[in-house]
Amino acid sequence: MYRLQPNVDEESGYFPIIEEIIAVDSGAVSNTFTHPRMPESETVWTSQGTLFFVDKVTANVSSSKALWRRDISEASIATLIAFR
């Protein structure tokens, strides 16, 4: 799994970031997800095939941090789990 950012400058973190999962043996992309901006944490991949990450609830800079989840087997949809 890796993330692609358009540039390395700080402002690029506020633009959409593509996260892809590729098979090491074949190099085929098996899952693509677009974050609206750079998430506030790394994505954690569980053995059950669920991906978790921390990001803001809204696009607002002062928005609450939240825990999000998505499945690698489903379409690229993230579900809000909890926020503070």
C-alpha atoms as a PDB file:
ATOM      1  CA  MET A   1       0.000   0.000   0.000  1.00  0.00           C
ATOM      2  CA  TYR A   2       1.277   3.441  -0.841  1.00  0.00           C
ATOM      3  CA  ARG A   3       0.032   7.018  -1.215  1.00  0.00           C
ATOM      4  CA  LEU A   4       0.655   9.316  -4.157  1.00  0.00           C
ATOM      5  CA  GLN A   5       0.886  13.060  -3.623  1.00  0.00           C
ATOM      6  CA  PRO A   6       1.100  15.542  -6.529  1.00  0.00           C
ATOM      7  CA  ASN A   7       4.092  17.409  -5.034  1.00  0.00           C
ATOM      8  CA  VAL A   8       6.250  17.257  -1.913  1.00  0.00           C
ATOM      9  CA  ASP A   9       5.412  20.758  -0.683  1.00  0.00           C
ATOM     10  CA  GLU A  10       3.216  21.279   2.382  1.00  0.00           C
ATOM     11  CA  GLU A  11       0.295  22.688   0.381  1.00  0.00           C
ATOM     12  CA  SER A  12      -0.059  19.437  -1.575  1.00  0.00           C
ATOM     13  CA  GLY A  13      -1.310  17.745   1.601  1.00  0.00           C
ATOM     14  CA  TYR A  14      -4.529  19.749   1.225  1.00  0.00           C
ATOM     15  CA  PHE A  15      -5.296  18.297  -2.199  1.00  0.00           C
ATOM     16  CA  PRO A  16      -6.639  14.795  -2.954  1.00  0.00           C
ATOM     17  CA  ILE A  17      -4.209  11.983  -2.180  1.00  0.00           C
ATOM     18  CA  ILE A  18      -4.419   8.621  -3.953  1.00  0.00           C
ATOM     19  CA  GLU A  19      -3.807   5.472  -1.911  1.00  0.00           C
ATOM     20  CA  GLU A  20      -3.295   2.225  -3.828  1.00  0.00           C
ATOM     21  CA  ILE A  21      -2.730  -1.393  -2.925  1.00  0.00           C
ATOM     22  CA  ILE A  22      -0.640  -3.369  -5.379  1.00  0.00           C
ATOM     23  CA  ALA A  23       0.213  -7.064  -5.480  1.00  0.00           C
ATOM     24  CA  VAL A  24       3.929  -7.596  -4.917  1.00  0.00           C
ATOM     25  CA  ASP A  25       4.073 -10.681  -7.152  1.00  0.00           C
ATOM     26  CA  SER A  26       2.201  -9.294 -10.188  1.00  0.00           C
ATOM     27  CA  GLY A  27       2.350  -5.524  -9.718  1.00  0.00           C
ATOM     28  CA  ALA A  28      -1.386  -5.302 -10.388  1.00  0.00           C
ATOM     29  CA  VAL A  29      -3.366  -2.594  -8.602  1.00  0.00           C
ATOM     30  CA  SER A  30      -6.072  -4.300  -6.547  1.00  0.00           C
ATOM     31  CA  ASN A  31      -7.603  -1.302  -4.765  1.00  0.00           C
ATOM     32  CA  THR A  32      -7.546   2.475  -5.242  1.00  0.00           C
ATOM     33  CA  PHE A  33      -8.900   5.033  -2.781  1.00  0.00           C
ATOM     34  CA  THR A  34      -8.779   8.835  -2.986  1.00  0.00           C
ATOM     35  CA  HIS A  35      -8.509  10.735   0.285  1.00  0.00           C
ATOM     36  CA  PRO A  36      -9.827  14.319   0.033  1.00  0.00           C
ATOM     37  CA  ARG A  37      -6.494  15.446   1.609  1.00  0.00           C
ATOM     38  CA  MET A  38      -3.545  13.798   3.353  1.00  0.00           C
ATOM     39  CA  PRO A  39      -4.911  11.793   6.321  1.00  0.00           C
ATOM     40  CA  GLU A  40      -3.573  12.538   9.790  1.00  0.00           C
ATOM     41  CA  SER A  41      -2.293   8.982  10.250  1.00  0.00           C
ATOM     42  CA  GLU A  42      -0.933   6.039   8.357  1.00  0.00           C
ATOM     43  CA  THR A  43      -3.497   3.528   7.122  1.00  0.00           C
ATOM     44  CA  VAL A  44      -3.615   0.395   9.280  1.00  0.00           C
ATOM     45  CA  TRP A  45      -4.461  -2.820   7.429  1.00  0.00           C
ATOM     46  CA  THR A  46      -5.925  -5.568   9.655  1.00  0.00           C
ATOM     47  CA  SER A  47      -5.750  -9.292   8.947  1.00  0.00           C
ATOM     48  CA  GLN A  48      -9.524  -9.262   8.299  1.00  0.00           C
ATOM     49  CA  GLY A  49      -9.057  -6.950   5.298  1.00  0.00           C
ATOM     50  CA  THR A  50     -10.238  -3.770   6.985  1.00  0.00           C
ATOM     51  CA  LEU A  51      -8.332  -0.503   6.642  1.00  0.00           C
ATOM     52  CA  PHE A  52      -8.399   2.171   9.374  1.00  0.00           C
ATOM     53  CA  PHE A  53      -7.069   5.726   9.348  1.00  0.00           C
ATOM     54  CA  VAL A  54      -7.447   8.960  11.334  1.00  0.00           C
ATOM     55  CA  ASP A  55      -8.553  12.106   9.546  1.00  0.00           C
ATOM     56  CA  LYS A  56     -10.786  15.109  10.077  1.00  0.00           C
ATOM     57  CA  VAL A  57     -14.585  14.841  10.003  1.00  0.00           C
ATOM     58  CA  THR A  58     -14.926  17.706   7.493  1.00  0.00           C
ATOM     59  CA  ALA A  59     -12.641  19.582   5.135  1.00  0.00           C
ATOM     60  CA  ASN A  60     -12.449  22.406   7.682  1.00  0.00           C
ATOM     61  CA  VAL A  61      -8.925  22.862   9.106  1.00  0.00           C
ATOM     62  CA  SER A  62     -10.292  22.997  12.672  1.00  0.00           C
ATOM     63  CA  SER A  63     -12.543  19.966  12.277  1.00  0.00           C
ATOM     64  CA  SER A  64     -12.539  17.155  14.863  1.00  0.00           C
ATOM     65  CA  LYS A  65     -10.253  14.177  14.365  1.00  0.00           C
ATOM     66  CA  ALA A  66     -12.083  10.986  13.514  1.00  0.00           C
ATOM     67  CA  LEU A  67     -11.483   7.273  13.039  1.00  0.00           C
ATOM     68  CA  TRP A  68     -12.471   6.042   9.584  1.00  0.00           C
ATOM     69  CA  ARG A  69     -12.710   2.499   8.193  1.00  0.00           C
ATOM     70  CA  ARG A  70     -13.003   0.931   4.776  1.00  0.00           C
ATOM     71  CA  ASP A  71     -12.841  -2.605   3.407  1.00  0.00           C
ATOM     72  CA  ILE A  72     -10.401  -3.540   0.680  1.00  0.00           C
ATOM     73  CA  SER A  73     -13.049  -5.749  -0.941  1.00  0.00           C
ATOM     74  CA  GLU A  74     -15.660  -2.968  -1.313  1.00  0.00           C
ATOM     75  CA  ALA A  75     -15.834   0.079  -3.525  1.00  0.00           C
ATOM     76  CA  SER A  76     -13.731   2.976  -2.268  1.00  0.00           C
ATOM     77  CA  ILE A  77     -16.044   4.241   0.452  1.00  0.00           C
ATOM     78  CA  ALA A  78     -14.832   5.267   3.913  1.00  0.00           C
ATOM     79  CA  THR A  79     -17.167   5.028   6.910  1.00  0.00           C
ATOM     80  CA  LEU A  80     -16.933   7.296   9.924  1.00  0.00           C
ATOM     81  CA  ILE A  81     -16.515   5.170  13.082  1.00  0.00           C
ATOM     82  CA  ALA A  82     -16.024   7.726  15.875  1.00  0.00           C
ATOM     83  CA  PHE A  83     -14.820  11.281  16.455  1.00  0.00           C
ATOM     84  CA  ARG A  84     -13.946  13.517  19.349  1.00  0.00           C
END
